Amino acid sequence: FVSIGTSGNVYPAAGLVEIAREAGARTVELNLEPSAGASL
């Protein structure tokens, strides 16, 4: 699961990384700066 160019503030899109993590996917953020959910 890759997130590109998002703020991490708009739901439900911002919650998709948590669904990916629960499913065992590798998660990657590509962004201009850390998003609100960067630690995930």
PDB file of all heavy atoms in Angstrom:
ATOM      1  N   PHE A   1       0.859  -1.182   0.000  1.00  0.00           N
ATOM      2  CA  PHE A   1       0.000   0.000   0.000  1.00  0.00           C
ATOM      3  C   PHE A   1       0.889   1.224   0.000  1.00  0.00           C
ATOM      4  O   PHE A   1       1.761   1.381   0.866  1.00  0.00           O
ATOM      5  CB  PHE A   1      -0.911   0.012   1.230  1.00  0.00           C
ATOM      6  CG  PHE A   1      -1.752   1.258   1.348  1.00  0.00           C
ATOM      7  CD1 PHE A   1      -2.937   1.380   0.631  1.00  0.00           C
ATOM      8  CD2 PHE A   1      -1.362   2.311   2.166  1.00  0.00           C
ATOM      9  CE1 PHE A   1      -3.719   2.522   0.730  1.00  0.00           C
ATOM     10  CE2 PHE A   1      -2.131   3.462   2.283  1.00  0.00           C
ATOM     11  CZ  PHE A   1      -3.304   3.569   1.560  1.00  0.00           C
ATOM     12  N   VAL A   2       0.673   2.105  -0.971  1.00  0.00           N
ATOM     13  CA  VAL A   2       1.496   3.305  -1.119  1.00  0.00           C
ATOM     14  C   VAL A   2       0.598   4.542  -1.082  1.00  0.00           C
ATOM     15  O   VAL A   2      -0.401   4.607  -1.795  1.00  0.00           O
ATOM     16  CB  VAL A   2       2.279   3.283  -2.455  1.00  0.00           C
ATOM     17  CG1 VAL A   2       3.236   4.471  -2.521  1.00  0.00           C
ATOM     18  CG2 VAL A   2       3.031   1.972  -2.633  1.00  0.00           C
ATOM     19  N   SER A   3       0.958   5.510  -0.262  1.00  0.00           N
ATOM     20  CA  SER A   3       0.219   6.771  -0.174  1.00  0.00           C
ATOM     21  C   SER A   3       1.099   7.883  -0.723  1.00  0.00           C
ATOM     22  O   SER A   3       2.240   8.052  -0.288  1.00  0.00           O
ATOM     23  CB  SER A   3      -0.150   7.060   1.280  1.00  0.00           C
ATOM     24  OG  SER A   3      -0.808   8.308   1.402  1.00  0.00           O
ATOM     25  N   ILE A   4       0.569   8.636  -1.681  1.00  0.00           N
ATOM     26  CA  ILE A   4       1.353   9.672  -2.357  1.00  0.00           C
ATOM     27  C   ILE A   4       0.607  11.004  -2.326  1.00  0.00           C
ATOM     28  O   ILE A   4      -0.537  11.106  -2.761  1.00  0.00           O
ATOM     29  CB  ILE A   4       1.618   9.282  -3.831  1.00  0.00           C
ATOM     30  CG1 ILE A   4       2.330   7.931  -3.920  1.00  0.00           C
ATOM     31  CG2 ILE A   4       2.435  10.361  -4.537  1.00  0.00           C
ATOM     32  CD1 ILE A   4       2.444   7.390  -5.339  1.00  0.00           C
ATOM     33  N   GLY A   5       1.269  12.026  -1.820  1.00  0.00           N
ATOM     34  CA  GLY A   5       0.725  13.381  -1.901  1.00  0.00           C
ATOM     35  C   GLY A   5      -0.529  13.619  -1.101  1.00  0.00           C
ATOM     36  O   GLY A   5      -1.395  14.391  -1.515  1.00  0.00           O
ATOM     37  N   THR A   6      -0.648  12.982   0.060  1.00  0.00           N
ATOM     38  CA  THR A   6      -1.849  13.167   0.875  1.00  0.00           C
ATOM     39  C   THR A   6      -1.483  13.767   2.240  1.00  0.00           C
ATOM     40  O   THR A   6      -0.395  13.535   2.753  1.00  0.00           O
ATOM     41  CB  THR A   6      -2.584  11.828   1.100  1.00  0.00           C
ATOM     42  OG1 THR A   6      -1.770  10.961   1.900  1.00  0.00           O
ATOM     43  CG2 THR A   6      -2.879  11.148  -0.220  1.00  0.00           C
ATOM     44  N   SER A   7      -2.438  14.476   2.810  1.00  0.00           N
ATOM     45  CA  SER A   7      -2.196  15.127   4.098  1.00  0.00           C
ATOM     46  C   SER A   7      -2.379  14.178   5.278  1.00  0.00           C
ATOM     47  O   SER A   7      -1.867  14.415   6.369  1.00  0.00           O
ATOM     48  CB  SER A   7      -3.152  16.303   4.270  1.00  0.00           C
ATOM     49  OG  SER A   7      -4.495  15.836   4.355  1.00  0.00           O
ATOM     50  N   GLY A   8      -3.157  13.113   5.058  1.00  0.00           N
ATOM     51  CA  GLY A   8      -3.463  12.206   6.159  1.00  0.00           C
ATOM     52  C   GLY A   8      -4.532  12.743   7.076  1.00  0.00           C
ATOM     53  O   GLY A   8      -4.775  12.192   8.158  1.00  0.00           O
ATOM     54  N   ASN A   9      -5.214  13.797   6.650  1.00  0.00           N
ATOM     55  CA  ASN A   9      -6.247  14.424   7.486  1.00  0.00           C
ATOM     56  C   ASN A   9      -7.665  14.129   7.012  1.00  0.00           C
ATOM     57  O   ASN A   9      -8.625  14.416   7.734  1.00  0.00           O
ATOM     58  CB  ASN A   9      -6.052  15.949   7.508  1.00  0.00           C
ATOM     59  CG  ASN A   9      -4.836  16.359   8.309  1.00  0.00           C
ATOM     60  OD1 ASN A   9      -4.620  15.870   9.405  1.00  0.00           O
ATOM     61  ND2 ASN A   9      -4.021  17.254   7.753  1.00  0.00           N
ATOM     62  N   VAL A  10      -7.819  13.619   5.799  1.00  0.00           N
ATOM     63  CA  VAL A  10      -9.145  13.450   5.210  1.00  0.00           C
ATOM     64  C   VAL A  10      -9.567  11.983   5.292  1.00  0.00           C
ATOM     65  O   VAL A  10      -8.935  11.110   4.686  1.00  0.00           O
ATOM     66  CB  VAL A  10      -9.164  13.935   3.747  1.00  0.00           C
ATOM     67  CG1 VAL A  10     -10.562  13.758   3.153  1.00  0.00           C
ATOM     68  CG2 VAL A  10      -8.737  15.393   3.655  1.00  0.00           C
ATOM     69  N   TYR A  11     -10.603  11.745   6.051  1.00  0.00           N
ATOM     70  CA  TYR A  11     -11.122  10.378   6.204  1.00  0.00           C
ATOM     71  C   TYR A  11     -12.344  10.189   5.307  1.00  0.00           C
ATOM     72  O   TYR A  11     -13.019  11.164   4.986  1.00  0.00           O
ATOM     73  CB  TYR A  11     -11.484  10.121   7.678  1.00  0.00           C
ATOM     74  CG  TYR A  11     -10.274   9.882   8.535  1.00  0.00           C
ATOM     75  CD1 TYR A  11      -9.539  10.953   9.037  1.00  0.00           C
ATOM     76  CD2 TYR A  11      -9.835   8.592   8.828  1.00  0.00           C
ATOM     77  CE1 TYR A  11      -8.407  10.746   9.815  1.00  0.00           C
ATOM     78  CE2 TYR A  11      -8.708   8.371   9.613  1.00  0.00           C
ATOM     79  CZ  TYR A  11      -8.001   9.447  10.092  1.00  0.00           C
ATOM     80  OH  TYR A  11      -6.887   9.233  10.853  1.00  0.00           O
ATOM     81  N   PRO A  12     -12.582   8.946   4.851  1.00  0.00           N
ATOM     82  CA  PRO A  12     -11.958   7.697   5.277  1.00  0.00           C
ATOM     83  C   PRO A  12     -10.648   7.347   4.575  1.00  0.00           C
ATOM     84  O   PRO A  12     -10.009   6.361   4.935  1.00  0.00           O
ATOM     85  CB  PRO A  12     -13.032   6.657   4.949  1.00  0.00           C
ATOM     86  CG  PRO A  12     -13.728   7.208   3.763  1.00  0.00           C
ATOM     87  CD  PRO A  12     -13.771   8.702   3.978  1.00  0.00           C
ATOM     88  N   ALA A  13     -10.204   8.133   3.598  1.00  0.00           N
ATOM     89  CA  ALA A  13      -8.976   7.794   2.879  1.00  0.00           C
ATOM     90  C   ALA A  13      -7.785   7.658   3.820  1.00  0.00           C
ATOM     91  O   ALA A  13      -6.944   6.758   3.668  1.00  0.00           O
ATOM     92  CB  ALA A  13      -8.698   8.838   1.809  1.00  0.00           C
ATOM     93  N   ALA A  14      -7.704   8.541   4.813  1.00  0.00           N
ATOM     94  CA  ALA A  14      -6.566   8.515   5.732  1.00  0.00           C
ATOM     95  C   ALA A  14      -6.513   7.237   6.556  1.00  0.00           C
ATOM     96  O   ALA A  14      -5.459   6.878   7.095  1.00  0.00           O
ATOM     97  CB  ALA A  14      -6.622   9.735   6.650  1.00  0.00           C
ATOM     98  N   GLY A  15      -7.630   6.546   6.665  1.00  0.00           N
ATOM     99  CA  GLY A  15      -7.670   5.311   7.438  1.00  0.00           C
ATOM    100  C   GLY A  15      -7.300   4.064   6.657  1.00  0.00           C
ATOM    101  O   GLY A  15      -7.193   2.979   7.237  1.00  0.00           O
ATOM    102  N   LEU A  16      -7.074   4.197   5.363  1.00  0.00           N
ATOM    103  CA  LEU A  16      -6.771   3.025   4.539  1.00  0.00           C
ATOM    104  C   LEU A  16      -5.453   2.367   4.926  1.00  0.00           C
ATOM    105  O   LEU A  16      -5.304   1.149   4.828  1.00  0.00           O
ATOM    106  CB  LEU A  16      -6.758   3.411   3.057  1.00  0.00           C
ATOM    107  CG  LEU A  16      -8.103   3.838   2.470  1.00  0.00           C
ATOM    108  CD1 LEU A  16      -7.938   4.240   1.006  1.00  0.00           C
ATOM    109  CD2 LEU A  16      -9.142   2.732   2.599  1.00  0.00           C
ATOM    110  N   VAL A  17      -4.493   3.168   5.363  1.00  0.00           N
ATOM    111  CA  VAL A  17      -3.208   2.588   5.755  1.00  0.00           C
ATOM    112  C   VAL A  17      -3.383   1.620   6.919  1.00  0.00           C
ATOM    113  O   VAL A  17      -2.693   0.590   6.999  1.00  0.00           O
ATOM    114  CB  VAL A  17      -2.182   3.694   6.107  1.00  0.00           C
ATOM    115  CG1 VAL A  17      -2.648   4.556   7.266  1.00  0.00           C
ATOM    116  CG2 VAL A  17      -0.825   3.076   6.409  1.00  0.00           C
ATOM    117  N   GLU A  18      -4.311   1.902   7.827  1.00  0.00           N
ATOM    118  CA  GLU A  18      -4.540   0.999   8.953  1.00  0.00           C
ATOM    119  C   GLU A  18      -5.156  -0.313   8.492  1.00  0.00           C
ATOM    120  O   GLU A  18      -4.823  -1.389   9.013  1.00  0.00           O
ATOM    121  CB  GLU A  18      -5.434   1.687   9.981  1.00  0.00           C
ATOM    122  CG  GLU A  18      -4.792   2.930  10.588  1.00  0.00           C
ATOM    123  CD  GLU A  18      -5.670   3.599  11.619  1.00  0.00           C
ATOM    124  OE1 GLU A  18      -5.840   3.010  12.705  1.00  0.00           O
ATOM    125  OE2 GLU A  18      -6.171   4.694  11.344  1.00  0.00           O
ATOM    126  N   ILE A  19      -6.038  -0.253   7.508  1.00  0.00           N
ATOM    127  CA  ILE A  19      -6.612  -1.477   6.945  1.00  0.00           C
ATOM    128  C   ILE A  19      -5.509  -2.302   6.287  1.00  0.00           C
ATOM    129  O   ILE A  19      -5.451  -3.536   6.429  1.00  0.00           O
ATOM    130  CB  ILE A  19      -7.714  -1.137   5.925  1.00  0.00           C
ATOM    131  CG1 ILE A  19      -8.875  -0.428   6.627  1.00  0.00           C
ATOM    132  CG2 ILE A  19      -8.203  -2.382   5.189  1.00  0.00           C
ATOM    133  CD1 ILE A  19      -9.941   0.091   5.683  1.00  0.00           C
ATOM    134  N   ALA A  20      -4.617  -1.626   5.556  1.00  0.00           N
ATOM    135  CA  ALA A  20      -3.503  -2.321   4.904  1.00  0.00           C
ATOM    136  C   ALA A  20      -2.592  -2.978   5.933  1.00  0.00           C
ATOM    137  O   ALA A  20      -2.162  -4.129   5.751  1.00  0.00           O
ATOM    138  CB  ALA A  20      -2.720  -1.339   4.044  1.00  0.00           C
ATOM    139  N   ARG A  21      -2.286  -2.278   7.002  1.00  0.00           N
ATOM    140  CA  ARG A  21      -1.423  -2.838   8.044  1.00  0.00           C
ATOM    141  C   ARG A  21      -2.055  -4.068   8.693  1.00  0.00           C
ATOM    142  O   ARG A  21      -1.378  -5.083   8.923  1.00  0.00           O
ATOM    143  CB  ARG A  21      -1.143  -1.780   9.117  1.00  0.00           C
ATOM    144  CG  ARG A  21      -0.129  -0.717   8.680  1.00  0.00           C
ATOM    145  CD  ARG A  21      -0.113   0.442   9.663  1.00  0.00           C
ATOM    146  NE  ARG A  21       0.209   0.021  11.014  1.00  0.00           N
ATOM    147  CZ  ARG A  21       1.450  -0.035  11.503  1.00  0.00           C
ATOM    148  NH1 ARG A  21       2.474   0.313  10.747  1.00  0.00           N
ATOM    149  NH2 ARG A  21       1.668  -0.414  12.756  1.00  0.00           N
ATOM    150  N   GLU A  22      -3.352  -3.977   8.968  1.00  0.00           N
ATOM    151  CA  GLU A  22      -4.046  -5.112   9.575  1.00  0.00           C
ATOM    152  C   GLU A  22      -4.036  -6.331   8.668  1.00  0.00           C
ATOM    153  O   GLU A  22      -4.045  -7.479   9.132  1.00  0.00           O
ATOM    154  CB  GLU A  22      -5.487  -4.720   9.918  1.00  0.00           C
ATOM    155  CG  GLU A  22      -5.600  -3.725  11.067  1.00  0.00           C
ATOM    156  CD  GLU A  22      -7.021  -3.223  11.256  1.00  0.00           C
ATOM    157  OE1 GLU A  22      -7.927  -3.718  10.544  1.00  0.00           O
ATOM    158  OE2 GLU A  22      -7.226  -2.336  12.111  1.00  0.00           O
ATOM    159  N   ALA A  23      -3.998  -6.079   7.349  1.00  0.00           N
ATOM    160  CA  ALA A  23      -3.983  -7.178   6.380  1.00  0.00           C
ATOM    161  C   ALA A  23      -2.576  -7.712   6.139  1.00  0.00           C
ATOM    162  O   ALA A  23      -2.410  -8.672   5.383  1.00  0.00           O
ATOM    163  CB  ALA A  23      -4.589  -6.704   5.066  1.00  0.00           C
ATOM    164  N   GLY A  24      -1.575  -7.082   6.748  1.00  0.00           N
ATOM    165  CA  GLY A  24      -0.207  -7.554   6.600  1.00  0.00           C
ATOM    166  C   GLY A  24       0.551  -6.971   5.424  1.00  0.00           C
ATOM    167  O   GLY A  24       1.632  -7.451   5.071  1.00  0.00           O
ATOM    168  N   ALA A  25       0.012  -5.935   4.808  1.00  0.00           N
ATOM    169  CA  ALA A  25       0.672  -5.316   3.657  1.00  0.00           C
ATOM    170  C   ALA A  25       1.841  -4.446   4.115  1.00  0.00           C
ATOM    171  O   ALA A  25       1.843  -3.917   5.229  1.00  0.00           O
ATOM    172  CB  ALA A  25      -0.321  -4.472   2.871  1.00  0.00           C
ATOM    173  N   ARG A  26       2.805  -4.290   3.238  1.00  0.00           N
ATOM    174  CA  ARG A  26       3.864  -3.311   3.467  1.00  0.00           C
ATOM    175  C   ARG A  26       3.288  -1.935   3.129  1.00  0.00           C
ATOM    176  O   ARG A  26       2.563  -1.785   2.139  1.00  0.00           O
ATOM    177  CB  ARG A  26       5.086  -3.606   2.607  1.00  0.00           C
ATOM    178  CG  ARG A  26       6.216  -2.600   2.801  1.00  0.00           C
ATOM    179  CD  ARG A  26       7.537  -3.068   2.238  1.00  0.00           C
ATOM    180  NE  ARG A  26       8.594  -2.092   2.487  1.00  0.00           N
ATOM    181  CZ  ARG A  26       9.200  -1.896   3.649  1.00  0.00           C
ATOM    182  NH1 ARG A  26       8.836  -2.636   4.690  1.00  0.00           N
ATOM    183  NH2 ARG A  26      10.156  -0.994   3.784  1.00  0.00           N
ATOM    184  N   THR A  27       3.605  -0.944   3.927  1.00  0.00           N
ATOM    185  CA  THR A  27       3.024   0.389   3.735  1.00  0.00           C
ATOM    186  C   THR A  27       4.130   1.415   3.510  1.00  0.00           C
ATOM    187  O   THR A  27       5.133   1.435   4.230  1.00  0.00           O
ATOM    188  CB  THR A  27       2.167   0.795   4.946  1.00  0.00           C
ATOM    189  OG1 THR A  27       2.958   0.746   6.138  1.00  0.00           O
ATOM    190  CG2 THR A  27       0.973  -0.151   5.094  1.00  0.00           C
ATOM    191  N   VAL A  28       3.919   2.274   2.511  1.00  0.00           N
ATOM    192  CA  VAL A  28       4.935   3.249   2.125  1.00  0.00           C
ATOM    193  C   VAL A  28       4.279   4.614   1.933  1.00  0.00           C
ATOM    194  O   VAL A  28       3.229   4.715   1.290  1.00  0.00           O
ATOM    195  CB  VAL A  28       5.641   2.838   0.812  1.00  0.00           C
ATOM    196  CG1 VAL A  28       6.672   3.888   0.398  1.00  0.00           C
ATOM    197  CG2 VAL A  28       6.294   1.468   0.950  1.00  0.00           C
ATOM    198  N   GLU A  29       4.887   5.648   2.479  1.00  0.00           N
ATOM    199  CA  GLU A  29       4.431   7.021   2.257  1.00  0.00           C
ATOM    200  C   GLU A  29       5.455   7.763   1.410  1.00  0.00           C
ATOM    201  O   GLU A  29       6.638   7.818   1.750  1.00  0.00           O
ATOM    202  CB  GLU A  29       4.229   7.746   3.582  1.00  0.00           C
ATOM    203  CG  GLU A  29       3.890   9.236   3.399  1.00  0.00           C
ATOM    204  CD  GLU A  29       3.441   9.924   4.666  1.00  0.00           C
ATOM    205  OE1 GLU A  29       2.222   9.881   4.943  1.00  0.00           O
ATOM    206  OE2 GLU A  29       4.304  10.475   5.390  1.00  0.00           O
ATOM    207  N   LEU A  30       4.979   8.339   0.298  1.00  0.00           N
ATOM    208  CA  LEU A  30       5.795   9.201  -0.550  1.00  0.00           C
ATOM    209  C   LEU A  30       5.115  10.564  -0.547  1.00  0.00           C
ATOM    210  O   LEU A  30       4.019  10.719  -1.076  1.00  0.00           O
ATOM    211  CB  LEU A  30       5.869   8.643  -1.976  1.00  0.00           C
ATOM    212  CG  LEU A  30       6.349   7.202  -2.128  1.00  0.00           C
ATOM    213  CD1 LEU A  30       6.276   6.772  -3.592  1.00  0.00           C
ATOM    214  CD2 LEU A  30       7.770   7.038  -1.590  1.00  0.00           C
ATOM    215  N   ASN A  31       5.762  11.548   0.044  1.00  0.00           N
ATOM    216  CA  ASN A  31       5.074  12.822   0.275  1.00  0.00           C
ATOM    217  C   ASN A  31       6.083  13.960   0.305  1.00  0.00           C
ATOM    218  O   ASN A  31       7.291  13.736   0.448  1.00  0.00           O
ATOM    219  CB  ASN A  31       4.320  12.766   1.610  1.00  0.00           C
ATOM    220  CG  ASN A  31       2.996  13.507   1.572  1.00  0.00           C
ATOM    221  OD1 ASN A  31       2.585  14.044   0.552  1.00  0.00           O
ATOM    222  ND2 ASN A  31       2.321  13.554   2.711  1.00  0.00           N
ATOM    223  N   LEU A  32       5.591  15.166   0.177  1.00  0.00           N
ATOM    224  CA  LEU A  32       6.463  16.324   0.263  1.00  0.00           C
ATOM    225  C   LEU A  32       6.984  16.489   1.685  1.00  0.00           C
ATOM    226  O   LEU A  32       8.131  16.900   1.908  1.00  0.00           O
ATOM    227  CB  LEU A  32       5.711  17.584  -0.180  1.00  0.00           C
ATOM    228  CG  LEU A  32       6.534  18.860  -0.328  1.00  0.00           C
ATOM    229  CD1 LEU A  32       7.624  18.677  -1.388  1.00  0.00           C
ATOM    230  CD2 LEU A  32       5.633  20.035  -0.697  1.00  0.00           C
ATOM    231  N   GLU A  33       6.142  16.153   2.653  1.00  0.00           N
ATOM    232  CA  GLU A  33       6.504  16.209   4.066  1.00  0.00           C
ATOM    233  C   GLU A  33       5.686  15.161   4.812  1.00  0.00           C
ATOM    234  O   GLU A  33       4.711  14.625   4.266  1.00  0.00           O
ATOM    235  CB  GLU A  33       6.217  17.603   4.629  1.00  0.00           C
ATOM    236  CG  GLU A  33       4.767  18.035   4.481  1.00  0.00           C
ATOM    237  CD  GLU A  33       4.557  19.496   4.847  1.00  0.00           C
ATOM    238  OE1 GLU A  33       5.562  20.230   4.945  1.00  0.00           O
ATOM    239  OE2 GLU A  33       3.394  19.878   5.055  1.00  0.00           O
ATOM    240  N   PRO A  34       6.072  14.819   6.040  1.00  0.00           N
ATOM    241  CA  PRO A  34       5.318  13.787   6.770  1.00  0.00           C
ATOM    242  C   PRO A  34       3.844  14.144   6.907  1.00  0.00           C
ATOM    243  O   PRO A  34       3.496  15.275   7.243  1.00  0.00           O
ATOM    244  CB  PRO A  34       6.016  13.751   8.138  1.00  0.00           C
ATOM    245  CG  PRO A  34       7.411  14.211   7.854  1.00  0.00           C
ATOM    246  CD  PRO A  34       7.262  15.265   6.781  1.00  0.00           C
ATOM    247  N   SER A  35       2.982  13.180   6.642  1.00  0.00           N
ATOM    248  CA  SER A  35       1.545  13.381   6.791  1.00  0.00           C
ATOM    249  C   SER A  35       1.156  13.202   8.251  1.00  0.00           C
ATOM    250  O   SER A  35       1.983  12.832   9.100  1.00  0.00           O
ATOM    251  CB  SER A  35       0.776  12.371   5.931  1.00  0.00           C
ATOM    252  OG  SER A  35       0.884  11.073   6.499  1.00  0.00           O
ATOM    253  N   ALA A  36      -0.110  13.432   8.543  1.00  0.00           N
ATOM    254  CA  ALA A  36      -0.600  13.255   9.910  1.00  0.00           C
ATOM    255  C   ALA A  36      -0.479  11.809  10.369  1.00  0.00           C
ATOM    256  O   ALA A  36      -0.383  11.536  11.560  1.00  0.00           O
ATOM    257  CB  ALA A  36      -2.057  13.717  10.000  1.00  0.00           C
ATOM    258  N   GLY A  37      -0.463  10.865   9.413  1.00  0.00           N
ATOM    259  CA  GLY A  37      -0.367   9.451   9.761  1.00  0.00           C
ATOM    260  C   GLY A  37       0.969   8.835   9.407  1.00  0.00           C
ATOM    261  O   GLY A  37       1.072   7.612   9.250  1.00  0.00           O
ATOM    262  N   ALA A  38       2.006   9.635   9.325  1.00  0.00           N
ATOM    263  CA  ALA A  38       3.316   9.149   8.864  1.00  0.00           C
ATOM    264  C   ALA A  38       3.845   7.982   9.692  1.00  0.00           C
ATOM    265  O   ALA A  38       4.511   7.078   9.161  1.00  0.00           O
ATOM    266  CB  ALA A  38       4.325  10.288   8.861  1.00  0.00           C
ATOM    267  N   SER A  39       3.569   7.980  10.984  1.00  0.00           N
ATOM    268  CA  SER A  39       4.100   6.925  11.861  1.00  0.00           C
ATOM    269  C   SER A  39       3.512   5.553  11.565  1.00  0.00           C
ATOM    270  O   SER A  39       4.031   4.542  12.038  1.00  0.00           O
ATOM    271  CB  SER A  39       3.840   7.291  13.323  1.00  0.00           C
ATOM    272  OG  SER A  39       2.439   7.362  13.580  1.00  0.00           O
ATOM    273  N   LEU A  40       2.435   5.503  10.774  1.00  0.00           N
ATOM    274  CA  LEU A  40       1.788   4.232  10.465  1.00  0.00           C
ATOM    275  C   LEU A  40       2.442   3.512   9.278  1.00  0.00           C
ATOM    276  O   LEU A  40       2.089   2.368   8.983  1.00  0.00           O
ATOM    277  CB  LEU A  40       0.303   4.462  10.147  1.00  0.00           C
ATOM    278  CG  LEU A  40      -0.547   5.023  11.295  1.00  0.00           C
ATOM    279  CD1 LEU A  40      -1.942   5.381  10.793  1.00  0.00           C
ATOM    280  CD2 LEU A  40      -0.638   4.017  12.432  1.00  0.00           C
TER     281      LEU A  40
END
